[in-house]
Amino acid sequence: MDDLDIRFIPLADLTPELQREFDELDRLAFGGIIFEEDPDFPPIQWAVPGWMALGFLQGQLITQLCIPKREITVGTKRVWVAGVGGMATHPKFQHQGLGSLLLAATESFMRDTIRVPFGLLICPRRFVHSMSFPAGRLPLIFSISGRINSAGGWRPVS
């Protein structure tokens, strides 16, 4: 198999053709699921990414992810983080380590280019076993628009 050609492209520089390829790969990888309509993802306003990480084999886009950079509050401190979202690999190329290669390159990109103290990848635990990101041992608690999600349930922030 040829080497994976990994490119980091600012969202603003994504061509209409590449956007169509990106959307098609999402459709293939996720089986047409629209996350805005998925009951596991109640009305969340997803962050607009600043960067796209794209992996090509022989010129074909086969793995991708989005990288938003945001300032968050951790305890009482404001911290810049980069997230990993919308990770998708073409079904013909899954389970070959190509997504892991893209994640490893993304980890370096976030540290060396975007210069954030840590990255955040939120995904089902079944996907974490082969990734370089360590799995969290504590529950993730976050708030959006006056509602808080903790232990899988949404409630108003008190």
N, C-alpha and C. Protein backbone atom coordinates (compact mmCIF):
# COMPACT_ATOMS: atom_id res chain seq x y z
N MET A 1 0.85 -1.18 0.00
CA MET A 1 0.00 0.00 0.00
C MET A 1 0.89 1.24 0.00
N ASP A 2 0.53 2.20 -0.79
CA ASP A 2 1.29 3.45 -0.85
C ASP A 2 1.21 4.18 0.47
N ASP A 3 2.11 5.14 0.68
CA ASP A 3 2.09 5.96 1.88
C ASP A 3 0.88 6.87 1.86
N LEU A 4 0.36 7.13 3.05
CA LEU A 4 -0.77 8.04 3.20
C LEU A 4 -0.25 9.47 3.07
N ASP A 5 -0.81 10.22 2.15
CA ASP A 5 -0.46 11.63 1.95
C ASP A 5 -1.40 12.45 2.85
N ILE A 6 -0.85 13.01 3.93
CA ILE A 6 -1.66 13.75 4.91
C ILE A 6 -1.48 15.24 4.68
N ARG A 7 -2.61 15.94 4.59
CA ARG A 7 -2.59 17.39 4.40
C ARG A 7 -3.48 18.05 5.43
N PHE A 8 -3.02 19.18 5.95
CA PHE A 8 -3.81 20.00 6.87
C PHE A 8 -4.19 21.26 6.12
N ILE A 9 -5.48 21.47 5.94
CA ILE A 9 -5.97 22.57 5.12
C ILE A 9 -6.90 23.44 5.96
N PRO A 10 -6.65 24.76 6.00
CA PRO A 10 -7.61 25.63 6.69
C PRO A 10 -8.98 25.49 6.02
N LEU A 11 -10.02 25.48 6.83
CA LEU A 11 -11.37 25.34 6.29
C LEU A 11 -11.65 26.37 5.20
N ALA A 12 -11.16 27.58 5.39
CA ALA A 12 -11.40 28.66 4.42
C ALA A 12 -10.78 28.34 3.06
N ASP A 13 -9.78 27.45 3.01
CA ASP A 13 -9.11 27.11 1.76
C ASP A 13 -9.65 25.84 1.11
N LEU A 14 -10.66 25.22 1.71
CA LEU A 14 -11.23 24.00 1.16
C LEU A 14 -12.00 24.33 -0.12
N THR A 15 -11.62 23.73 -1.23
CA THR A 15 -12.28 24.00 -2.50
C THR A 15 -13.66 23.33 -2.52
N PRO A 16 -14.57 23.82 -3.36
CA PRO A 16 -15.88 23.17 -3.48
C PRO A 16 -15.77 21.68 -3.85
N GLU A 17 -14.81 21.35 -4.72
CA GLU A 17 -14.61 19.95 -5.11
C GLU A 17 -14.18 19.11 -3.92
N LEU A 18 -13.23 19.61 -3.14
CA LEU A 18 -12.76 18.88 -1.97
C LEU A 18 -13.87 18.78 -0.92
N GLN A 19 -14.69 19.82 -0.79
CA GLN A 19 -15.83 19.77 0.14
C GLN A 19 -16.80 18.67 -0.28
N ARG A 20 -17.04 18.51 -1.58
CA ARG A 20 -17.92 17.44 -2.07
C ARG A 20 -17.33 16.07 -1.74
N GLU A 21 -16.01 15.92 -1.93
CA GLU A 21 -15.34 14.65 -1.60
C GLU A 21 -15.45 14.37 -0.10
N PHE A 22 -15.25 15.41 0.70
CA PHE A 22 -15.36 15.29 2.16
C PHE A 22 -16.77 14.85 2.55
N ASP A 23 -17.78 15.49 2.00
CA ASP A 23 -19.17 15.16 2.31
C ASP A 23 -19.51 13.73 1.88
N GLU A 24 -19.01 13.31 0.73
CA GLU A 24 -19.26 11.96 0.25
C GLU A 24 -18.59 10.93 1.15
N LEU A 25 -17.38 11.19 1.59
CA LEU A 25 -16.70 10.27 2.50
C LEU A 25 -17.46 10.18 3.82
N ASP A 26 -17.95 11.29 4.33
CA ASP A 26 -18.79 11.26 5.53
C ASP A 26 -20.00 10.35 5.33
N ARG A 27 -20.67 10.52 4.19
CA ARG A 27 -21.86 9.73 3.90
C ARG A 27 -21.53 8.23 3.86
N LEU A 28 -20.42 7.88 3.20
CA LEU A 28 -20.02 6.48 3.10
C LEU A 28 -19.63 5.91 4.47
N ALA A 29 -18.85 6.67 5.22
CA ALA A 29 -18.33 6.17 6.49
C ALA A 29 -19.41 6.07 7.57
N PHE A 30 -20.35 7.00 7.56
CA PHE A 30 -21.36 7.03 8.61
C PHE A 30 -22.71 6.47 8.15
N GLY A 31 -22.77 5.93 6.96
CA GLY A 31 -23.99 5.30 6.49
C GLY A 31 -25.17 6.24 6.36
N GLY A 32 -24.91 7.50 6.07
CA GLY A 32 -25.98 8.45 5.86
C GLY A 32 -26.56 9.04 7.13
N ILE A 33 -25.99 8.73 8.31
CA ILE A 33 -26.48 9.30 9.57
C ILE A 33 -26.23 10.80 9.55
N ILE A 34 -27.23 11.57 9.89
CA ILE A 34 -27.08 13.01 10.03
C ILE A 34 -27.06 13.30 11.52
N PHE A 35 -25.91 13.70 12.05
CA PHE A 35 -25.75 13.83 13.49
C PHE A 35 -26.70 14.85 14.09
N GLU A 36 -27.09 15.86 13.33
CA GLU A 36 -28.02 16.84 13.85
C GLU A 36 -29.37 16.20 14.16
N GLU A 37 -29.66 15.04 13.54
CA GLU A 37 -30.93 14.36 13.76
C GLU A 37 -30.77 13.13 14.64
N ASP A 38 -29.57 12.79 15.06
CA ASP A 38 -29.30 11.61 15.86
C ASP A 38 -29.73 11.85 17.31
N PRO A 39 -30.57 10.97 17.90
CA PRO A 39 -31.02 11.19 19.27
C PRO A 39 -29.89 11.13 20.30
N ASP A 40 -28.75 10.50 19.98
CA ASP A 40 -27.62 10.49 20.90
C ASP A 40 -26.90 11.83 20.93
N PHE A 41 -27.20 12.69 19.97
CA PHE A 41 -26.61 14.01 19.90
C PHE A 41 -27.73 15.04 19.88
N PRO A 42 -28.36 15.28 21.06
CA PRO A 42 -29.44 16.25 21.06
C PRO A 42 -28.94 17.60 20.59
N PRO A 43 -29.84 18.54 20.36
CA PRO A 43 -29.48 19.76 19.63
C PRO A 43 -28.19 20.42 20.10
N ILE A 44 -27.10 19.96 19.57
CA ILE A 44 -25.79 20.52 19.88
C ILE A 44 -25.37 21.38 18.70
N GLN A 45 -24.88 22.55 18.96
CA GLN A 45 -24.31 23.40 17.92
C GLN A 45 -22.84 22.99 17.79
N TRP A 46 -22.52 22.21 16.77
CA TRP A 46 -21.15 21.73 16.60
C TRP A 46 -20.24 22.89 16.21
N ALA A 47 -19.04 22.89 16.74
CA ALA A 47 -18.06 23.94 16.45
C ALA A 47 -17.64 23.88 14.99
N VAL A 48 -17.49 25.04 14.39
CA VAL A 48 -16.97 25.13 13.03
C VAL A 48 -15.46 24.92 13.12
N PRO A 49 -14.94 23.97 12.36
CA PRO A 49 -13.49 23.71 12.44
C PRO A 49 -12.68 24.82 11.78
N GLY A 50 -11.48 25.01 12.27
CA GLY A 50 -10.55 25.92 11.64
C GLY A 50 -9.72 25.20 10.59
N TRP A 51 -9.53 23.89 10.80
CA TRP A 51 -8.67 23.09 9.94
C TRP A 51 -9.34 21.78 9.58
N MET A 52 -8.93 21.22 8.46
CA MET A 52 -9.34 19.89 8.04
C MET A 52 -8.05 19.07 7.91
N ALA A 53 -8.06 17.85 8.45
CA ALA A 53 -6.96 16.91 8.26
C ALA A 53 -7.46 15.88 7.26
N LEU A 54 -6.74 15.75 6.16
CA LEU A 54 -7.17 14.89 5.07
C LEU A 54 -6.07 13.90 4.71
N GLY A 55 -6.45 12.64 4.54
CA GLY A 55 -5.50 11.59 4.16
C GLY A 55 -5.85 11.03 2.80
N PHE A 56 -4.88 11.05 1.90
CA PHE A 56 -5.09 10.60 0.51
C PHE A 56 -4.21 9.40 0.21
N LEU A 57 -4.76 8.46 -0.57
CA LEU A 57 -3.99 7.37 -1.16
C LEU A 57 -4.14 7.49 -2.67
N GLN A 58 -3.04 7.60 -3.37
CA GLN A 58 -3.05 7.75 -4.83
C GLN A 58 -4.05 8.82 -5.28
N GLY A 59 -4.08 9.94 -4.53
CA GLY A 59 -4.93 11.07 -4.90
C GLY A 59 -6.38 10.96 -4.45
N GLN A 60 -6.78 9.82 -3.87
CA GLN A 60 -8.16 9.63 -3.43
C GLN A 60 -8.25 9.93 -1.93
N LEU A 61 -9.22 10.77 -1.55
CA LEU A 61 -9.47 11.06 -0.13
C LEU A 61 -10.04 9.81 0.51
N ILE A 62 -9.35 9.28 1.54
CA ILE A 62 -9.83 8.04 2.17
C ILE A 62 -10.02 8.16 3.68
N THR A 63 -9.45 9.19 4.30
CA THR A 63 -9.66 9.39 5.73
C THR A 63 -9.58 10.88 6.03
N GLN A 64 -10.37 11.32 7.00
CA GLN A 64 -10.48 12.77 7.26
C GLN A 64 -10.95 13.02 8.67
N LEU A 65 -10.70 14.25 9.12
CA LEU A 65 -11.27 14.73 10.38
C LEU A 65 -11.23 16.25 10.39
N CYS A 66 -12.01 16.83 11.31
CA CYS A 66 -12.08 18.28 11.48
C CYS A 66 -11.35 18.66 12.75
N ILE A 67 -10.77 19.86 12.78
CA ILE A 67 -10.04 20.34 13.96
C ILE A 67 -10.53 21.74 14.34
N PRO A 68 -11.45 21.83 15.29
CA PRO A 68 -11.81 23.16 15.81
C PRO A 68 -10.87 23.53 16.96
N LYS A 69 -10.58 24.82 17.10
CA LYS A 69 -9.79 25.33 18.23
C LYS A 69 -10.71 26.25 19.03
N ARG A 70 -10.80 25.99 20.33
CA ARG A 70 -11.70 26.76 21.18
C ARG A 70 -11.06 27.02 22.54
N GLU A 71 -11.52 28.08 23.16
CA GLU A 71 -11.12 28.36 24.53
C GLU A 71 -12.21 27.80 25.43
N ILE A 72 -11.81 26.98 26.40
CA ILE A 72 -12.76 26.37 27.32
C ILE A 72 -12.38 26.71 28.75
N THR A 73 -13.27 26.44 29.67
CA THR A 73 -12.99 26.62 31.09
C THR A 73 -12.77 25.25 31.71
N VAL A 74 -11.63 25.09 32.36
CA VAL A 74 -11.31 23.87 33.09
C VAL A 74 -11.17 24.30 34.54
N GLY A 75 -12.13 23.89 35.38
CA GLY A 75 -12.16 24.42 36.75
C GLY A 75 -12.46 25.90 36.68
N THR A 76 -11.49 26.72 37.04
CA THR A 76 -11.66 28.17 36.97
C THR A 76 -10.72 28.81 35.95
N LYS A 77 -9.97 27.98 35.23
CA LYS A 77 -8.97 28.49 34.30
C LYS A 77 -9.44 28.38 32.85
N ARG A 78 -9.18 29.43 32.05
CA ARG A 78 -9.47 29.41 30.61
C ARG A 78 -8.27 28.78 29.90
N VAL A 79 -8.55 27.81 29.01
CA VAL A 79 -7.51 27.05 28.33
C VAL A 79 -7.89 26.87 26.87
N TRP A 80 -6.91 27.01 25.98
CA TRP A 80 -7.14 26.73 24.56
C TRP A 80 -7.00 25.23 24.33
N VAL A 81 -7.93 24.66 23.57
CA VAL A 81 -7.88 23.25 23.20
C VAL A 81 -8.19 23.13 21.71
N ALA A 82 -7.71 22.07 21.13
CA ALA A 82 -8.10 21.72 19.76
C ALA A 82 -8.86 20.41 19.86
N GLY A 83 -9.94 20.33 19.14
CA GLY A 83 -10.74 19.11 19.17
C GLY A 83 -10.55 18.30 17.91
N VAL A 84 -10.93 17.06 18.00
CA VAL A 84 -10.96 16.18 16.84
C VAL A 84 -12.41 15.78 16.64
N GLY A 85 -12.94 16.07 15.48
CA GLY A 85 -14.33 15.73 15.22
C GLY A 85 -14.52 15.22 13.81
N GLY A 86 -15.64 14.58 13.58
CA GLY A 86 -16.00 14.14 12.24
C GLY A 86 -15.00 13.20 11.61
N MET A 87 -14.33 12.39 12.43
CA MET A 87 -13.35 11.44 11.89
C MET A 87 -14.07 10.39 11.05
N ALA A 88 -13.61 10.20 9.85
CA ALA A 88 -14.22 9.22 8.95
C ALA A 88 -13.15 8.59 8.08
N THR A 89 -13.30 7.29 7.83
CA THR A 89 -12.42 6.57 6.91
C THR A 89 -13.32 5.79 5.95
N HIS A 90 -12.96 5.82 4.68
CA HIS A 90 -13.74 5.10 3.68
C HIS A 90 -13.86 3.63 4.10
N PRO A 91 -15.05 3.04 3.99
CA PRO A 91 -15.25 1.66 4.43
C PRO A 91 -14.26 0.66 3.82
N LYS A 92 -13.84 0.85 2.58
CA LYS A 92 -12.86 -0.08 1.96
C LYS A 92 -11.50 -0.01 2.62
N PHE A 93 -11.22 1.06 3.38
CA PHE A 93 -9.90 1.25 3.96
C PHE A 93 -9.91 1.20 5.49
N GLN A 94 -11.06 0.86 6.07
CA GLN A 94 -11.13 0.79 7.53
C GLN A 94 -10.35 -0.42 8.04
N HIS A 95 -9.93 -0.34 9.30
CA HIS A 95 -9.21 -1.42 10.01
C HIS A 95 -7.85 -1.72 9.38
N GLN A 96 -7.24 -0.71 8.77
CA GLN A 96 -5.90 -0.86 8.20
C GLN A 96 -4.91 0.10 8.85
N GLY A 97 -5.36 0.83 9.87
CA GLY A 97 -4.48 1.74 10.59
C GLY A 97 -4.33 3.12 9.96
N LEU A 98 -5.07 3.40 8.90
CA LEU A 98 -4.92 4.68 8.21
C LEU A 98 -5.52 5.83 9.03
N GLY A 99 -6.65 5.59 9.67
CA GLY A 99 -7.23 6.60 10.57
C GLY A 99 -6.30 6.88 11.74
N SER A 100 -5.64 5.84 12.24
CA SER A 100 -4.68 6.04 13.33
C SER A 100 -3.48 6.87 12.88
N LEU A 101 -3.03 6.67 11.64
CA LEU A 101 -1.95 7.49 11.10
C LEU A 101 -2.37 8.96 11.03
N LEU A 102 -3.61 9.20 10.58
CA LEU A 102 -4.12 10.57 10.51
C LEU A 102 -4.22 11.18 11.90
N LEU A 103 -4.69 10.40 12.89
CA LEU A 103 -4.76 10.91 14.26
C LEU A 103 -3.38 11.24 14.81
N ALA A 104 -2.40 10.39 14.57
CA ALA A 104 -1.05 10.65 15.07
C ALA A 104 -0.48 11.93 14.45
N ALA A 105 -0.69 12.11 13.14
CA ALA A 105 -0.21 13.34 12.49
C ALA A 105 -0.97 14.55 13.04
N THR A 106 -2.26 14.37 13.33
CA THR A 106 -3.08 15.46 13.86
C THR A 106 -2.61 15.85 15.26
N GLU A 107 -2.25 14.87 16.04
CA GLU A 107 -1.73 15.16 17.39
C GLU A 107 -0.49 16.06 17.30
N SER A 108 0.43 15.75 16.41
CA SER A 108 1.62 16.59 16.22
C SER A 108 1.24 17.97 15.69
N PHE A 109 0.32 18.02 14.74
CA PHE A 109 -0.13 19.29 14.16
C PHE A 109 -0.73 20.19 15.24
N MET A 110 -1.56 19.61 16.11
CA MET A 110 -2.20 20.41 17.17
C MET A 110 -1.14 20.96 18.14
N ARG A 111 -0.17 20.14 18.45
CA ARG A 111 0.87 20.56 19.40
C ARG A 111 1.84 21.56 18.77
N ASP A 112 2.31 21.29 17.55
CA ASP A 112 3.39 22.08 16.95
C ASP A 112 2.91 23.27 16.11
N THR A 113 1.75 23.16 15.47
CA THR A 113 1.28 24.23 14.59
C THR A 113 0.20 25.07 15.25
N ILE A 114 -0.83 24.41 15.75
CA ILE A 114 -1.91 25.15 16.41
C ILE A 114 -1.49 25.61 17.81
N ARG A 115 -0.57 24.88 18.40
CA ARG A 115 0.03 25.21 19.71
C ARG A 115 -1.00 25.31 20.83
N VAL A 116 -1.67 24.18 21.07
CA VAL A 116 -2.59 24.09 22.20
C VAL A 116 -2.01 23.14 23.23
N PRO A 117 -2.32 23.34 24.52
CA PRO A 117 -1.76 22.47 25.55
C PRO A 117 -2.32 21.05 25.52
N PHE A 118 -3.54 20.88 25.01
CA PHE A 118 -4.04 19.52 24.84
C PHE A 118 -5.14 19.47 23.80
N GLY A 119 -5.32 18.25 23.26
CA GLY A 119 -6.37 18.02 22.29
C GLY A 119 -7.48 17.21 22.94
N LEU A 120 -8.65 17.31 22.38
CA LEU A 120 -9.81 16.62 22.93
C LEU A 120 -10.48 15.82 21.83
N LEU A 121 -10.58 14.53 22.06
CA LEU A 121 -11.26 13.62 21.14
C LEU A 121 -12.37 12.95 21.93
N ILE A 122 -13.60 13.16 21.52
CA ILE A 122 -14.74 12.53 22.18
C ILE A 122 -15.33 11.55 21.19
N CYS A 123 -15.33 10.27 21.57
CA CYS A 123 -15.89 9.25 20.71
C CYS A 123 -16.29 8.07 21.57
N PRO A 124 -17.07 7.15 21.00
CA PRO A 124 -17.43 5.96 21.77
C PRO A 124 -16.18 5.18 22.17
N ARG A 125 -16.20 4.61 23.37
CA ARG A 125 -15.04 3.89 23.90
C ARG A 125 -14.55 2.79 22.96
N ARG A 126 -15.45 2.20 22.18
CA ARG A 126 -15.05 1.10 21.29
C ARG A 126 -14.05 1.55 20.22
N PHE A 127 -13.96 2.87 19.96
CA PHE A 127 -13.01 3.37 18.96
C PHE A 127 -11.66 3.75 19.55
N VAL A 128 -11.56 3.84 20.85
CA VAL A 128 -10.37 4.38 21.49
C VAL A 128 -9.23 3.37 21.56
N HIS A 129 -9.52 2.09 21.56
CA HIS A 129 -8.50 1.07 21.82
C HIS A 129 -7.28 1.17 20.93
N SER A 130 -7.42 1.60 19.69
CA SER A 130 -6.28 1.63 18.78
C SER A 130 -5.72 3.03 18.55
N MET A 131 -6.20 4.01 19.32
CA MET A 131 -5.77 5.39 19.10
C MET A 131 -4.66 5.78 20.06
N SER A 132 -3.90 6.79 19.66
CA SER A 132 -2.82 7.27 20.52
C SER A 132 -3.34 8.17 21.63
N PHE A 133 -4.59 8.62 21.54
CA PHE A 133 -5.17 9.45 22.58
C PHE A 133 -5.50 8.57 23.78
N PRO A 134 -5.10 8.96 25.00
CA PRO A 134 -5.45 8.14 26.16
C PRO A 134 -6.94 8.25 26.46
N ALA A 135 -7.52 7.13 26.88
CA ALA A 135 -8.94 7.13 27.24
C ALA A 135 -9.11 7.75 28.61
N GLY A 136 -10.12 8.60 28.74
CA GLY A 136 -10.41 9.22 30.02
C GLY A 136 -11.02 8.23 30.99
N ARG A 137 -10.70 8.39 32.24
CA ARG A 137 -11.24 7.51 33.27
C ARG A 137 -12.38 8.18 34.04
N LEU A 138 -12.55 9.46 33.85
CA LEU A 138 -13.58 10.19 34.55
C LEU A 138 -14.69 10.55 33.57
N PRO A 139 -15.90 10.74 34.07
CA PRO A 139 -16.99 11.13 33.15
C PRO A 139 -16.74 12.52 32.58
N LEU A 140 -17.17 12.72 31.36
CA LEU A 140 -17.08 14.02 30.71
C LEU A 140 -18.35 14.80 31.04
N ILE A 141 -18.17 15.98 31.59
CA ILE A 141 -19.29 16.84 31.93
C ILE A 141 -19.09 18.15 31.18
N PHE A 142 -20.09 18.57 30.44
CA PHE A 142 -19.96 19.82 29.70
C PHE A 142 -21.31 20.51 29.65
N SER A 143 -21.26 21.81 29.44
CA SER A 143 -22.51 22.56 29.34
C SER A 143 -22.56 23.30 28.01
N ILE A 144 -23.78 23.39 27.47
CA ILE A 144 -24.03 24.07 26.22
C ILE A 144 -25.36 24.81 26.36
N SER A 145 -25.34 26.08 26.08
CA SER A 145 -26.58 26.88 26.06
C SER A 145 -27.45 26.68 27.30
N GLY A 146 -26.83 26.74 28.47
CA GLY A 146 -27.60 26.67 29.70
C GLY A 146 -28.04 25.27 30.10
N ARG A 147 -27.58 24.25 29.39
CA ARG A 147 -27.88 22.87 29.76
C ARG A 147 -26.57 22.14 29.99
N ILE A 148 -26.60 21.15 30.87
CA ILE A 148 -25.39 20.41 31.19
C ILE A 148 -25.61 18.94 30.85
N ASN A 149 -24.56 18.29 30.34
CA ASN A 149 -24.63 16.87 30.05
C ASN A 149 -23.67 16.18 31.00
N SER A 150 -24.18 15.27 31.76
CA SER A 150 -23.39 14.49 32.70
C SER A 150 -23.96 13.09 32.75
N ALA A 151 -23.11 12.08 32.65
CA ALA A 151 -23.53 10.68 32.70
C ALA A 151 -24.63 10.40 31.67
N GLY A 152 -24.49 11.01 30.50
CA GLY A 152 -25.38 10.70 29.40
C GLY A 152 -26.74 11.38 29.41
N GLY A 153 -26.99 12.27 30.35
CA GLY A 153 -28.29 12.92 30.38
C GLY A 153 -28.16 14.43 30.38
N TRP A 154 -29.12 15.12 29.77
CA TRP A 154 -29.14 16.57 29.70
C TRP A 154 -30.05 17.11 30.80
N ARG A 155 -29.63 18.18 31.45
CA ARG A 155 -30.46 18.87 32.45
C ARG A 155 -30.10 20.33 32.44
N PRO A 156 -31.01 21.19 32.93
CA PRO A 156 -30.68 22.63 33.01
C PRO A 156 -29.53 22.87 33.98
N VAL A 157 -28.70 23.86 33.68
CA VAL A 157 -27.62 24.23 34.59
C VAL A 157 -28.25 24.92 35.80
N SER A 158 -27.87 24.48 37.01
CA SER A 158 -28.44 25.11 38.22
C SER A 158 -27.65 26.33 38.63
